[in-house]
C-alpha atoms as a PDB file:
ATOM      1  CA  MET A   1     -21.459-134.296  93.567  1.00  0.00           C
ATOM      2  CA  THR A   2     -21.117-131.978  90.611  1.00  0.00           C
ATOM      3  CA  PRO A   3     -22.458-128.397  90.629  1.00  0.00           C
ATOM      4  CA  PHE A   4     -25.215-129.591  88.282  1.00  0.00           C
ATOM      5  CA  GLU A   5     -26.299-132.290  90.738  1.00  0.00           C
ATOM      6  CA  ASN A   6     -26.107-129.893  93.691  1.00  0.00           C
ATOM      7  CA  ILE A   7     -28.700-127.644  92.066  1.00  0.00           C
ATOM      8  CA  LEU A   8     -31.000-130.075  90.228  1.00  0.00           C
ATOM      9  CA  GLY A   9     -30.706-133.182  92.359  1.00  0.00           C
ATOM     10  CA  ASN A  10     -29.104-136.567  92.332  1.00  0.00           C
ATOM     11  CA  THR A  11     -31.395-138.917  90.421  1.00  0.00           C
ATOM     12  CA  PRO A  12     -30.183-141.649  88.052  1.00  0.00           C
ATOM     13  CA  LYS A  13     -31.474-139.753  85.000  1.00  0.00           C
ATOM     14  CA  LEU A  14     -29.757-136.527  86.026  1.00  0.00           C
ATOM     15  CA  ARG A  15     -26.506-138.365  86.783  1.00  0.00           C
ATOM     16  CA  ILE A  16     -26.588-139.943  83.321  1.00  0.00           C
ATOM     17  CA  ILE A  17     -27.125-136.565  81.668  1.00  0.00           C
ATOM     18  CA  ASP A  18     -24.517-134.824  83.817  1.00  0.00           C
ATOM     19  CA  HIS A  19     -21.797-137.399  83.204  1.00  0.00           C
ATOM     20  CA  MET A  20     -22.488-137.716  79.487  1.00  0.00           C
ATOM     21  CA  LEU A  21     -22.726-133.955  78.749  1.00  0.00           C
ATOM     22  CA  PRO A  22     -19.012-133.494  78.033  1.00  0.00           C
ATOM     23  CA  LEU A  23     -18.936-136.697  75.960  1.00  0.00           C
ATOM     24  CA  ASP A  24     -20.733-135.579  72.816  1.00  0.00           C
ATOM     25  CA  ASN A  25     -21.354-138.422  70.340  1.00  0.00           C
ATOM     26  CA  ILE A  26     -19.536-141.026  72.412  1.00  0.00           C
ATOM     27  CA  TYR A  27     -21.647-144.142  72.765  1.00  0.00           C
ATOM     28  CA  PHE A  28     -21.769-146.243  75.921  1.00  0.00           C
ATOM     29  CA  THR A  29     -23.203-149.600  76.913  1.00  0.00           C
ATOM     30  CA  LYS A  30     -25.531-149.794  79.895  1.00  0.00           C
ATOM     31  CA  THR A  31     -22.683-151.271  81.941  1.00  0.00           C
ATOM     32  CA  GLU A  32     -20.428-148.339  81.071  1.00  0.00           C
ATOM     33  CA  ILE A  33     -23.168-145.849  81.933  1.00  0.00           C
ATOM     34  CA  CYS A  34     -23.602-147.568  85.308  1.00  0.00           C
ATOM     35  CA  GLN A  35     -19.900-147.077  85.942  1.00  0.00           C
ATOM     36  CA  ILE A  36     -19.518-143.458  84.814  1.00  0.00           C
ATOM     37  CA  ALA A  37     -22.748-142.267  86.440  1.00  0.00           C
ATOM     38  CA  ASP A  38     -22.542-144.510  89.517  1.00  0.00           C
ATOM     39  CA  ILE A  39     -25.945-146.084  88.964  1.00  0.00           C
ATOM     40  CA  SER A  40     -26.939-149.572  90.007  1.00  0.00           C
ATOM     41  CA  LYS A  41     -27.782-152.132  87.353  1.00  0.00           C
ATOM     42  CA  GLN A  42     -31.251-152.369  88.904  1.00  0.00           C
ATOM     43  CA  LYS A  43     -31.987-148.692  88.139  1.00  0.00           C
ATOM     44  CA  ILE A  44     -30.329-148.299  84.730  1.00  0.00           C
ATOM     45  CA  ASP A  45     -33.070-149.953  82.658  1.00  0.00           C
ATOM     46  CA  GLN A  46     -35.816-147.635  83.890  1.00  0.00           C
ATOM     47  CA  ALA A  47     -33.630-144.527  83.521  1.00  0.00           C
ATOM     48  CA  ILE A  48     -32.540-145.488  79.974  1.00  0.00           C
ATOM     49  CA  THR A  49     -36.126-146.284  78.956  1.00  0.00           C
ATOM     50  CA  GLU A  50     -37.450-142.959  80.241  1.00  0.00           C
ATOM     51  CA  LEU A  51     -34.607-140.951  78.666  1.00  0.00           C
ATOM     52  CA  SER A  52     -35.099-142.780  75.363  1.00  0.00           C
ATOM     53  CA  ASN A  53     -38.860-142.198  75.411  1.00  0.00           C
ATOM     54  CA  ASP A  54     -38.227-138.479  75.941  1.00  0.00           C
ATOM     55  CA  ASN A  55     -35.679-138.431  73.098  1.00  0.00           C
ATOM     56  CA  ILE A  56     -32.983-137.297  75.559  1.00  0.00           C
ATOM     57  CA  ILE A  57     -30.699-140.138  74.550  1.00  0.00           C
ATOM     58  CA  LYS A  58     -30.355-142.010  71.313  1.00  0.00           C
ATOM     59  CA  SER A  59     -29.045-145.475  70.677  1.00  0.00           C
ATOM     60  CA  LYS A  60     -27.482-147.599  68.006  1.00  0.00           C
ATOM     61  CA  ILE A  61     -26.016-151.044  67.736  1.00  0.00           C
ATOM     62  CA  ILE A  62     -22.224-151.076  67.839  1.00  0.00           C
ATOM     63  CA  ASP A  63     -20.334-154.376  67.859  1.00  0.00           C
ATOM     64  CA  ASN A  64     -23.623-156.267  68.262  1.00  0.00           C
ATOM     65  CA  GLU A  65     -24.490-154.342  71.429  1.00  0.00           C
ATOM     66  CA  LEU A  66     -26.999-151.540  71.974  1.00  0.00           C
ATOM     67  CA  GLN A  67     -25.160-148.381  73.014  1.00  0.00           C
ATOM     68  CA  TYR A  68     -26.338-144.918  74.036  1.00  0.00           C
ATOM     69  CA  THR A  69     -25.352-141.262  73.772  1.00  0.00           C
ATOM     70  CA  LEU A  70     -27.045-137.976  74.573  1.00  0.00           C
ATOM     71  CA  ASN A  71     -29.151-136.540  71.791  1.00  0.00           C
ATOM     72  CA  PHE A  72     -27.620-133.096  71.252  1.00  0.00           C
ATOM     73  CA  ASP A  73     -30.277-132.392  68.626  1.00  0.00           C
ATOM     74  CA  ASN A  74     -32.795-132.234  71.465  1.00  0.00           C
ATOM     75  CA  PRO A  75     -33.248-128.646  72.697  1.00  0.00           C
ATOM     76  CA  ILE A  76     -33.588-129.911  76.259  1.00  0.00           C
ATOM     77  CA  ILE A  77     -30.040-131.269  76.165  1.00  0.00           C
ATOM     78  CA  THR A  78     -28.607-128.103  74.651  1.00  0.00           C
ATOM     79  CA  SER A  79     -30.437-126.050  77.298  1.00  0.00           C
ATOM     80  CA  ILE A  80     -29.100-128.276  80.073  1.00  0.00           C
ATOM     81  CA  GLN A  81     -25.612-127.971  78.602  1.00  0.00           C
ATOM     82  CA  ASP A  82     -25.893-124.159  78.542  1.00  0.00           C
ATOM     83  CA  PHE A  83     -27.201-124.184  82.109  1.00  0.00           C
ATOM     84  CA  ASN A  84     -24.344-126.423  83.237  1.00  0.00           C
ATOM     85  CA  PHE A  85     -21.763-124.095  81.645  1.00  0.00           C
ATOM     86  CA  HIS A  86     -23.422-121.105  83.316  1.00  0.00           C
ATOM     87  CA  VAL A  87     -23.336-122.776  86.747  1.00  0.00           C
ATOM     88  CA  ILE A  88     -19.669-123.665  86.362  1.00  0.00           C
ATOM     89  CA  ASP A  89     -18.796-120.146  85.176  1.00  0.00           C
ATOM     90  CA  LYS A  90     -20.661-118.650  88.139  1.00  0.00           C
ATOM     91  CA  LEU A  91     -18.896-120.913  90.628  1.00  0.00           C
ATOM     92  CA  TYR A  92     -15.481-120.047  89.234  1.00  0.00           C
ATOM     93  CA  GLU A  93     -16.392-116.376  89.138  1.00  0.00           C
ATOM     94  CA  ASP A  94     -17.171-116.523  92.858  1.00  0.00           C
ATOM     95  CA  ILE A  95     -13.811-118.213  93.522  1.00  0.00           C
ATOM     96  CA  LYS A  96     -11.764-115.553  91.706  1.00  0.00           C
END
């Protein structure tokens, strides 16, 4: 588990956000998201739908397939990104 997941939990939506945070403007298919975030194909549709409805992710058709990326124009994502950086900095500060 990542530091982000240790603090906020280990749900499919949080795993998607956590694993896509460092991948700004890189688009992924649902299958790829399942692989990078370790989510079952049964759970991906609901997670993608909810994240899309909340404008957390955005999508576009690439090579005739719907693909997704985080919406870094959404203040929630930028806040989560800042929080994630802060957690990582704090952990490394404690290690030093």
